[in-house]
Structure formats: C-alpha cells, structure tokens
C-alpha cells in the first residue's frame, strides 16, 4: 500500500499500539477518525477502561517513529485522562493539522507538542506553555474546551496566527497582554469566554483584525479606547457583553465596520454622534440596551444600513427626520421606547422598507400618509401610541401589507372599507380606538383576513349578515363595541372558518336559532375539553336554561348540568350561581358559565360528555350512559 494517502479507521477496534509497519506507508498523510472501544494505547491506564464512542486523545498514543502523518482529526474525546494522551506526539514531525476541539482532557498535554514545528492548525483540549514554540501555526481553535489554569503568556509568540478562537472557554485569570503581539491575526473570537478583568489595551495593536467577537464575554470595565485603532475591522459583536460606561469615541474611526451589534449590552449614555462616521454599516442592533436619550441626526449618514433595531430601550424625544435618508433600510424596529412627537413624514422615503414597528411609544398626530408610499411594506405596527384622526383610504396602496396593528390609539372616524379587501392583508388590529359608524362588509368574498380585532370602539348599528362572506376569518373580536341594537348570534355560525369569537361586554344578543355549532364555545369565553359539550353550551345560551336550572325538579338539574359537571358538583354550582336573571338577558348564559368555570373536572368531562342531536338545539341534551 505504498500509494495509500488516506486511512479511515472509523469505529475499528485496534490493539494496544499501532503497528510499526504503518511507518512504511510513505504516502499516508491523512488519518481522520478511529475508535478504540474498551482499549487505550500504551501506556495502559491504571483507571478502569472505558469505551469511547469516537476516539479522543488516547487514539494518538503509540505511533511508530517517523510516522509521516500531516492531518490528524480525531473527534470528541469523552473524559480522557493523562494516560490517554499521546506518548510520543513529538515524533509526528510532519503533522500540520491536529484536531482535538471540544475535548474534556484532565491534566496537561505533554510538552512534546512543542516539537511539532510544522504544525499550522491545531484544535486542543489543554494548553501548555510550549504552545508558543509553534511559530508556523496560523489557525488555533480552542473553542468549547475546559482548560485548567490561565492562557499561557506564550500565546503571544504565535506571530503567524491569523485565526484564534477562544469562545466558550473557561481559562482562569485575565486575557494576557501578549495577545497584542499577534499582528497577523484577522479573526479573534472571545465570545462566551470566562476571562475576567478588563480587555487589555494591547488589543488595539491587532491592525490586521477584521472580525472581533466579544459577545457574552465576561470582561468588565470600559471598552479600551485603543479599539479605534482596528481600522481593518468589519465585524464587531459586543452584544450581551459586560462592558460598562460609554462607548469610546474612537469607535468612530472604524470606517470599515459593516456589522456592529450592541444588543443587550450594558453601555450607558446616549448614542454618540460619531456613529454616523461608520458609513459602511449594514447591521446595527441596539435593542434591550441601557442607552437612552435622543437619537443623533447623524444616524441618517448610514446610507448602507439595512436593519435598525432599537426595541425595548430608553430612547426618547422626536425621531430625527434624517432617518428618511436610510434608503436601503428593510427593517426598522423602535417599539417599547419613549419616543414622542409626530412620526416624521420622511419615513415615507424608505421605499425598501418591509417591516415598520413603532408600537408602545408616545407618537401623536395623524396616521402618517407618507407611509403609504412604501409599497414593499408587509407589516406596520403603531399600536399603543396617541394617534388621532381617521385612517387614510390611501392605505390601500400597500398591496403587500399582511399585518396592520393600530390598536390602543385614539383614532376616530369610520373604518375604511378597503381594509377588508386589501389583497394581502391577513391580520387587522383596530381595537381600543374611538372608531365610529356602522360596520359595512361589502364585496369581501375574496378577503384574505384571518384575524379582525374591532373591540373597544364606538360602532353602532347591527353586525351585518354579510359578515358570513369572510371565507378565511379564524378570529373575530367584537367585545365592547357599543352597538345600540342587539344582534342574532346565529349570524356568526355562518362564518365557516371561525375558531375564536369574543363578544364580551354589554348585552348584545337575542335568539339563537339553528346553524353550525363550531364557534359557540369561543363565543362564551369558555374552554371545554370535549367538543361533544358544544351543543349543551348552546342550550345554556338560551333563556330556557334559566327556567330549567331554576326548576325544583332535580332530574332536570342533573340532565341539564351533568354533561359539563361531575354529579358531586351540581349542588355546589346551583348554590353558587346567581339565579336572579332578567328575562331574555345574555347575563343568564354568562353567569352560568362563569359560575361553573372553576368547578369543572375536564378529565371527567371527556369521559362523560355525550352527543347531542345536531338538529334539535332548543331541547335539553341528555347524557349517554
């Protein structure tokens, strides 16, 4: 096998040491994975032998001298001990790549690793000081390892290193100042690392660095001002980091930066005006942070920005009109802040915008008509503000809009009928406003609405029977809409796809009639574990229920209530329920259902509920035995 170049020994049981004859395979340069189930190459461990699912450090023991291996990539090592570590690793003089990432070595790796002068890529479980002898090393991945002790200061001797990953490591102590000697480093990942203390000022010496990830890192104190020396930096992640104080002004020097993540960070103060110097930025999350105050007008200089997220923070004041300069913005999220004033009309210039979220601020004035110029919008959320005036009919221009949230404002006037027929609109929230006028559902057979929320308005007239023409409506909320006239409940049974219906509030109904039962349950705000009880709920909604339950006939009591209740709770329900109903009042059904709510045993309900006749809804439902 003199021409053998790769040897795959995956999941093969091997003897105590690799045969000397392997050294004769002069073309063999790659050895990937193998398994030593129940074995460990010499020296034999004193601890009980364990079966390794996929080999780890013990797989490296016992290599014959002059083995010309260049690539060695064993997989995860489970609970490896010092006995399982390479006995003669220094003999692999041709080795250029060693992969031991994600291991759980106990003890120290042998100092002989320092003899591997040709090693260029390494994935280690533990790290001796002799690591600094690997002058040709260009790639070092120590991610996810559980090291003992501190990161050796000799790490700074790896002058050829271009990639260093220390993420999710548990080194003790501070990051050594010698890190600043790695002048060739272009990628440094310290995310989730357990180093304590401040980030060394020498970090600013890494002039070739293009990627720096400090997210979730345990560093404390302020971010060193020297960070501004990293002129080649294009990616800087500071999310979830523990740095305190204000952002150093020197960050404004990072002209190559296109990704800056400050989400969930603990920096304080206002967003500094120098943020506008970062003209290459495309991504800027600032959500859930401690920043506060007004946004600088210089944000408008970030012409390449595609996403701006400031949600759940303490920003205040008026939005700068310069936000309208962000011509490439596709996502703008400003919800849950303290912004005030009018929504600037300049936002209408953001023609690439797809999602606009401004909810739960203090915006006032009318709905900004300029937003109807942004035809790519799929979502608008301005709920929880102080908007007044009517909803402009020009909103029909937004043919791609799928969700519109205008709840909890002070909007007035009639609901534009075009909202019910917009070609992409599936969710419409207009609840908790002051909208007036009769409901008008015309030409809605092609409507895409599956959710319509109109609760808490000042609508009048009747709910028109044409509501049954909504063919995709699943959820309908009409509670406390101040209708002057009562309505027939059975018109909602014609909305075939309806699954949730809220009609709570003042008395709205008369009559039940025949029809589909599939929405009765939700109409009375009551969840029942078995659909077989639906017809019984229908009966409870009638005035007949009051007469039957007030009757002195115990058989009628049991027949009326047993499909919903255990027999032992019937007396409790009768005692608890207020029987003082007014004739033909919806309060009958409401009070009964509220009274039994906390007494129902749903598991028993599943066993005891019976089928009622689909046609005879006005009669009492009997329980099948």
Foldseek 3Di string as FASTA:
>chain_A
DLQDAEDEADAPADDQADDLCLQSNVNHAEYAWHFHAQYFHPPGDPDHGHGWNTDAQSVQAHDHANRQYAYYHTDEGEADEPRSHYPPVLRNQNHAEEAREQYAYDDAHDLSVLNNQNHAYYADQEDDLSVLSNQNHAYYAPANHEYPEADHLSVLSNQNHAEYAHDLYEYEEADHLSVLSNQNHAYYHHANYAYEEAHHLSVLSNQNHAEYEHHNYHYEEAHHLSVLSNQNHAYYEHANYHYEEAHRPSVLNNQNHAYYEQHNYEYEEADDLSVLSNQNHAYYENDNYAYEEEHDLSVLSNQNHAEYHHEQYAYEEAHRLSVLSNQNHAYYAHENYAYEEANHLSVLSNQNHAEAHHDQYAYEEADNLSVLSNQNYQYDAHDNYAYEEADDPSVLSNLNHAEYHHHHYAYEEADPQSQLARQRHAYYHHDQYAYEEEDDHPPNLNGNHQYDAHANYQYEDEDDLCVLSNARHAEYEHAHNNYPAADAPCSVLSVPNYQAYEHHDAFRHFDHDAHHQRHLCRPQVADALDPQCSLLLLQQQDPVVLVQLPDPDVVSLCFSPVLFADPVCSVVLSVQADSPDDPRTSVRSNRSRVSCRVHTDRVVNVVWRDHADNGPSNDGGGTDD
